């Protein structure tokens, strides 16, 4: 049913089913639409707001899946797809204005900053664009593009209170995909990475956890800055060499090549190291949120 792609970091480069992220997109959207029906049947003002939240999140996930399929189909250049998430910011801007979400944001070492109307038209699109693209850029190893977002999402869900119900079932589906992805049985593809990136951005905005998301994403942001700065100044891309199941690199142009620089590590070791870094940043985000409240 799914196209197959070679696993370049395994001996003989076996073909693995690709694009399984579409399962996450379809099941998550279905769950959220059913949740909308449940909230709508309650007929209370609070339930009406929850309908808007669930519907907006479903739209964002669906657009993320569509964007990933389009990238797989047309192989879009980064200069184009980097700004695609701006379209997904439109329903989030509408939701933020409709519900009157808080326009201030706590920035570490600076404090609370109220952006006013700029929050709707600058900060929300910026959060969506940065989150989606940085999540998409940190991948290429089995489990890396599924486990790390799951860590952040679980962390944010633990401090979001009742709104965590929006992602109960999607989280279960994503963890199942992460299990098989880590074992090298499937790839979620761009469909999955874009969809989960938009899930993180949309859920953080809906739950008013932008600061927690920002701190959790620090390893992602560092990875993207390293890739972009290296490419702009030297026009060279990051790459790792594989020898007898061990990964190594002779440069430091990304998070992966930084971890494997002059080292010989297995693919799983690299994924675990980077996942631990993401877990540490997520834990720091939870501590900051706990301190602020």
Protein backbone atom coordinates (compact mmCIF):
# COMPACT_ATOMS: atom_id res chain seq x y z
CA UNK A 1 0.00 0.00 0.00
CA UNK A 2 2.85 2.40 0.74
CA UNK A 3 5.86 3.32 -1.42
CA UNK A 4 9.19 2.03 -0.16
CA UNK A 5 12.37 3.96 0.45
CA UNK A 6 15.90 2.63 1.11
CA UNK A 7 17.26 2.72 4.65
CA UNK A 8 20.68 4.15 3.86
CA UNK A 9 22.17 3.49 7.29
CA UNK A 10 21.55 -0.25 7.26
CA UNK A 11 23.64 -2.93 5.52
CA UNK A 12 22.39 -3.61 1.96
CA UNK A 13 20.05 -0.59 2.26
CA UNK A 14 16.76 -2.51 2.72
CA UNK A 15 13.54 -1.01 1.39
CA UNK A 16 11.17 0.22 4.11
CA UNK A 17 7.52 1.37 3.77
CA UNK A 18 7.47 5.17 3.69
CA UNK A 19 4.79 7.77 4.38
CA UNK A 20 3.14 6.02 7.33
CA UNK A 21 2.62 9.43 8.90
CA UNK A 22 -0.63 9.56 6.94
CA UNK A 23 -2.05 7.13 9.52
CA UNK A 24 -1.43 9.73 12.21
CA UNK A 25 -3.05 12.45 10.11
CA UNK A 26 -6.22 10.49 9.32
CA UNK A 27 -6.77 9.01 12.79
CA UNK A 28 -6.02 12.30 14.55
CA UNK A 29 -8.41 14.27 12.34
CA UNK A 30 -11.12 11.65 12.81
CA UNK A 31 -10.68 11.70 16.59
CA UNK A 32 -10.82 15.49 16.73
CA UNK A 33 -13.93 15.65 14.54
CA UNK A 34 -15.65 13.16 16.86
CA UNK A 35 -14.53 15.29 19.78
CA UNK A 36 -16.11 18.31 18.07
CA UNK A 37 -19.40 16.42 17.82
CA UNK A 38 -19.20 15.51 21.51
CA UNK A 39 -18.55 19.10 22.57
CA UNK A 40 -21.22 20.46 20.22
CA UNK A 41 -23.84 18.15 21.75
CA UNK A 42 -23.23 19.69 25.18
CA UNK A 43 -24.48 23.10 24.04
CA UNK A 44 -22.61 25.21 26.61
CA UNK A 45 -20.43 28.29 25.90
CA UNK A 46 -17.35 26.46 27.19
CA UNK A 47 -18.12 23.49 24.94
CA UNK A 48 -18.47 25.85 21.98
CA UNK A 49 -14.93 27.15 22.63
CA UNK A 50 -13.66 23.57 22.84
CA UNK A 51 -15.28 22.86 19.46
CA UNK A 52 -13.23 25.69 17.98
CA UNK A 53 -10.02 24.41 19.57
CA UNK A 54 -10.52 20.83 18.36
CA UNK A 55 -11.55 21.93 14.88
CA UNK A 56 -8.56 24.28 14.55
CA UNK A 57 -6.13 21.58 15.65
CA UNK A 58 -7.67 19.12 13.17
CA UNK A 59 -7.30 21.63 10.33
CA UNK A 60 -3.64 22.22 11.22
CA UNK A 61 -2.85 18.49 11.31
CA UNK A 62 -4.62 17.93 8.00
CA UNK A 63 -2.71 20.78 6.38
CA UNK A 64 0.57 19.44 7.77
CA UNK A 65 -0.17 16.05 6.21
CA UNK A 66 -1.10 17.68 2.91
CA UNK A 67 2.10 19.74 2.94
CA UNK A 68 4.18 16.61 3.55
CA UNK A 69 2.45 14.72 0.72
CA UNK A 70 3.01 17.67 -1.58
CA UNK A 71 6.70 17.76 -0.67
CA UNK A 72 7.07 14.03 -1.31
CA UNK A 73 5.26 14.39 -4.63
CA UNK A 74 6.93 17.56 -5.97
CA UNK A 75 10.18 17.57 -3.94
CA UNK A 76 9.76 21.24 -3.02
CA UNK A 77 12.84 23.34 -2.40
CA UNK A 78 13.39 24.69 1.09
CA UNK A 79 12.96 28.26 -0.08
CA UNK A 80 9.34 27.42 -0.89
CA UNK A 81 8.25 24.95 1.75
CA UNK A 82 9.82 27.02 4.53
CA UNK A 83 6.91 29.46 4.21
CA UNK A 84 4.14 26.92 3.57
CA UNK A 85 3.26 26.67 7.29
CA UNK A 86 2.18 30.32 7.19
CA UNK A 87 -1.06 29.11 5.60
CA UNK A 88 -1.70 26.88 8.62
CA UNK A 89 -1.25 29.92 10.87
CA UNK A 90 -4.44 31.50 9.49
CA UNK A 91 -6.92 29.32 11.48
CA UNK A 92 -4.75 29.75 14.59
CA UNK A 93 -4.81 33.54 14.21
CA UNK A 94 -8.58 33.40 13.80
CA UNK A 95 -8.94 31.22 16.91
CA UNK A 96 -6.66 33.46 18.98
CA UNK A 97 -8.67 36.55 18.05
CA UNK A 98 -12.03 34.81 18.50
CA UNK A 99 -11.21 33.47 21.97
CA UNK A 100 -9.15 36.48 23.01
CA UNK A 101 -6.09 34.40 23.86
CA UNK A 102 -3.36 36.05 25.91
CA UNK A 103 -1.07 38.17 23.71
CA UNK A 104 1.81 38.20 26.16
CA UNK A 105 4.65 35.71 26.27
CA UNK A 106 7.27 35.07 28.93
CA UNK A 107 10.79 35.15 27.49
CA UNK A 108 13.60 33.64 29.61
CA UNK A 109 15.94 36.26 31.17
CA UNK A 110 13.68 39.06 29.87
CA UNK A 111 10.29 38.50 31.45
CA UNK A 112 6.74 38.86 30.23
CA UNK A 113 6.32 40.79 27.00
CA UNK A 114 2.91 41.84 25.70
CA UNK A 115 3.01 41.93 21.90
CA UNK A 116 -0.51 43.29 21.47
CA UNK A 117 -1.91 42.86 17.96
CA UNK A 118 1.56 41.88 16.73
CA UNK A 119 1.06 38.59 18.59
CA UNK A 120 -1.67 37.55 16.15
CA UNK A 121 0.03 38.58 12.94
CA UNK A 122 3.73 38.14 13.76
CA UNK A 123 4.30 35.85 16.74
CA UNK A 124 1.74 33.14 15.87
CA UNK A 125 2.97 32.78 12.24
CA UNK A 126 6.57 32.81 13.52
CA UNK A 127 5.88 30.03 16.05
CA UNK A 128 4.16 27.90 13.40
CA UNK A 129 6.88 28.42 10.78
CA UNK A 130 9.86 27.88 13.09
CA UNK A 131 8.39 24.84 14.84
CA UNK A 132 7.29 23.05 11.67
CA UNK A 133 10.54 23.59 9.78
CA UNK A 134 12.91 22.84 12.65
CA UNK A 135 11.07 19.59 13.43
CA UNK A 136 11.23 18.60 9.77
CA UNK A 137 14.96 19.31 9.58
CA UNK A 138 15.95 17.01 12.44
CA UNK A 139 15.45 13.58 10.91
CA UNK A 140 17.08 10.97 8.75
CA UNK A 141 17.66 8.32 11.43
CA UNK A 142 15.23 5.65 12.57
CA UNK A 143 13.24 7.00 15.49
CA UNK A 144 14.69 10.51 15.47
CA UNK A 145 11.76 12.23 13.77
CA UNK A 146 9.19 10.40 15.90
CA UNK A 147 10.65 9.97 19.40
CA UNK A 148 11.87 13.54 19.88
CA UNK A 149 8.55 15.23 19.00
CA UNK A 150 6.76 12.68 21.20
CA UNK A 151 8.91 13.71 24.17
CA UNK A 152 8.02 17.38 23.70
CA UNK A 153 4.35 16.64 23.14
CA UNK A 154 4.11 14.47 26.25
CA UNK A 155 5.83 17.19 28.27
CA UNK A 156 3.45 19.89 27.07
CA UNK A 157 0.42 17.66 27.60
CA UNK A 158 1.34 17.07 31.25
CA UNK A 159 1.05 20.79 32.03
CA UNK A 160 -1.90 21.67 29.78
CA UNK A 161 -4.63 20.43 32.12
CA UNK A 162 -8.01 19.38 30.64
CA UNK A 163 -6.99 20.41 27.11
CA UNK A 164 -4.75 17.35 26.95
CA UNK A 165 -7.85 15.43 25.87
CA UNK A 166 -7.32 16.92 22.41
CA UNK A 167 -4.28 14.68 21.94
CA UNK A 168 -5.03 11.53 23.92
CA UNK A 169 -5.66 9.30 20.91
CA UNK A 170 -3.28 11.09 18.49
CA UNK A 171 -0.50 10.60 21.03
CA UNK A 172 -1.19 6.87 21.25
CA UNK A 173 -1.08 6.55 17.46
CA UNK A 174 2.14 8.55 17.23
CA UNK A 175 3.84 6.44 19.92
CA UNK A 176 2.89 3.29 18.01
CA UNK A 177 4.45 4.74 14.85
CA UNK A 178 7.52 5.78 16.86
CA UNK A 179 7.97 2.21 18.11
CA UNK A 180 8.04 0.74 14.60
CA UNK A 181 10.07 3.65 13.24
CA UNK A 182 12.74 3.19 15.92
CA UNK A 183 12.99 -0.48 14.98
CA UNK A 184 13.48 0.46 11.34
CA UNK A 185 10.22 -1.12 10.17
CA UNK A 186 8.57 2.07 8.82
CA UNK A 187 9.24 5.70 7.89
CA UNK A 188 6.68 8.38 8.68
CA UNK A 189 8.01 10.55 5.84
CA UNK A 190 7.48 14.25 5.35
CA UNK A 191 3.77 13.63 5.88
CA UNK A 192 4.43 12.65 9.47
CA UNK A 193 7.16 15.19 10.26
CA UNK A 194 5.19 18.18 8.97
CA UNK A 195 1.99 16.98 10.66
CA UNK A 196 3.65 16.47 14.05
CA UNK A 197 5.47 19.81 13.76
CA UNK A 198 2.19 21.60 13.16
CA UNK A 199 0.63 19.61 16.01
CA UNK A 200 3.27 20.94 18.41
CA UNK A 201 2.88 24.54 17.25
CA UNK A 202 -0.92 24.53 17.16
CA UNK A 203 -1.33 22.77 20.51
CA UNK A 204 1.14 25.11 22.24
CA UNK A 205 -0.75 28.15 20.95
CA UNK A 206 -4.17 26.71 21.80
CA UNK A 207 -3.01 25.78 25.32
CA UNK A 208 -1.04 29.03 25.82
CA UNK A 209 2.25 27.19 26.35
CA UNK A 210 4.44 29.09 23.91
CA UNK A 211 7.33 29.56 26.34
CA UNK A 212 7.39 25.85 27.20
CA UNK A 213 7.45 24.99 23.50
CA UNK A 214 10.27 27.46 22.83
CA UNK A 215 12.49 26.00 25.55
CA UNK A 216 11.69 22.42 24.53
CA UNK A 217 12.64 23.21 20.93
CA UNK A 218 16.11 24.54 21.75
CA UNK A 219 17.94 21.44 20.40
CA UNK A 220 15.84 21.69 17.22
CA UNK A 221 16.57 25.39 16.82
CA UNK A 222 20.29 24.79 17.41
CA UNK A 223 20.29 22.05 14.76
CA UNK A 224 18.57 24.26 12.18
CA UNK A 225 20.85 27.23 12.88
CA UNK A 226 23.90 24.99 12.48
CA UNK A 227 22.61 23.60 9.17
CA UNK A 228 21.59 26.97 7.73
CA UNK A 229 24.67 28.91 8.80
CA UNK A 230 26.99 26.23 7.46
CA UNK A 231 25.15 26.08 4.16
CA UNK A 232 25.00 29.87 3.72
CA UNK A 233 28.69 30.40 4.45
CA UNK A 234 30.25 27.28 2.86
CA UNK A 235 27.46 25.91 0.61
CA UNK A 236 28.08 22.47 2.12
CA UNK A 237 25.46 20.10 3.49
CA UNK A 238 25.67 17.83 6.50
CA UNK A 239 26.25 14.13 5.87
CA UNK A 240 27.29 11.09 7.87
CA UNK A 241 29.16 8.05 6.63
CA UNK A 242 28.06 4.53 7.50
CA UNK A 243 30.57 1.72 7.96
CA UNK A 244 29.60 -1.70 9.34
CA UNK A 245 26.52 -0.27 10.98
CA UNK A 246 28.43 2.58 12.66
CA UNK A 247 27.89 6.26 11.86
CA UNK A 248 30.65 8.85 11.84
CA UNK A 249 31.38 12.29 10.39
CA UNK A 250 34.38 14.51 9.77
CA UNK A 251 32.49 17.80 10.15
CA UNK A 252 30.01 19.50 12.46
CA UNK A 253 27.21 20.85 10.27
CA UNK A 254 24.18 19.49 12.12
CA UNK A 255 23.16 17.91 15.40
CA UNK A 256 23.73 14.44 13.97
CA UNK A 257 27.20 15.21 12.60
CA UNK A 258 28.09 16.99 15.85
CA UNK A 259 27.26 13.89 17.87
CA UNK A 260 29.10 11.57 15.46
CA UNK A 261 32.11 13.88 14.91
CA UNK A 262 35.21 11.65 14.95
CA UNK A 263 33.16 8.96 16.70
CA UNK A 264 31.75 5.63 15.58
CA UNK A 265 28.26 5.22 16.99
CA UNK A 266 25.36 3.01 16.05
CA UNK A 267 22.24 4.62 14.67
CA UNK A 268 20.31 3.85 17.84
CA UNK A 269 23.04 5.36 20.01
CA UNK A 270 22.84 8.63 18.07
CA UNK A 271 19.05 8.68 18.32
CA UNK A 272 19.15 8.02 22.07
CA UNK A 273 21.74 10.78 22.67
CA UNK A 274 19.73 13.39 20.75
CA UNK A 275 16.50 12.20 22.37
CA UNK A 276 18.08 12.69 25.79
CA UNK A 277 19.04 16.25 24.82
CA UNK A 278 15.43 16.93 23.81
CA UNK A 279 14.22 15.32 27.04
CA UNK A 280 16.55 17.62 29.01
CA UNK A 281 15.25 20.75 27.26
CA UNK A 282 11.66 19.59 27.78
CA UNK A 283 12.32 18.98 31.47
CA UNK A 284 13.80 22.48 31.72
CA UNK A 285 10.65 23.84 30.06
CA UNK A 286 8.48 22.07 32.63
CA UNK A 287 10.57 23.47 35.48
CA UNK A 288 10.28 27.01 34.07
CA UNK A 289 6.53 26.60 33.69
CA UNK A 290 6.26 25.30 37.24
CA UNK A 291 8.29 28.26 38.51
CA UNK A 292 6.14 30.76 36.59
CA UNK A 293 2.93 29.34 38.01
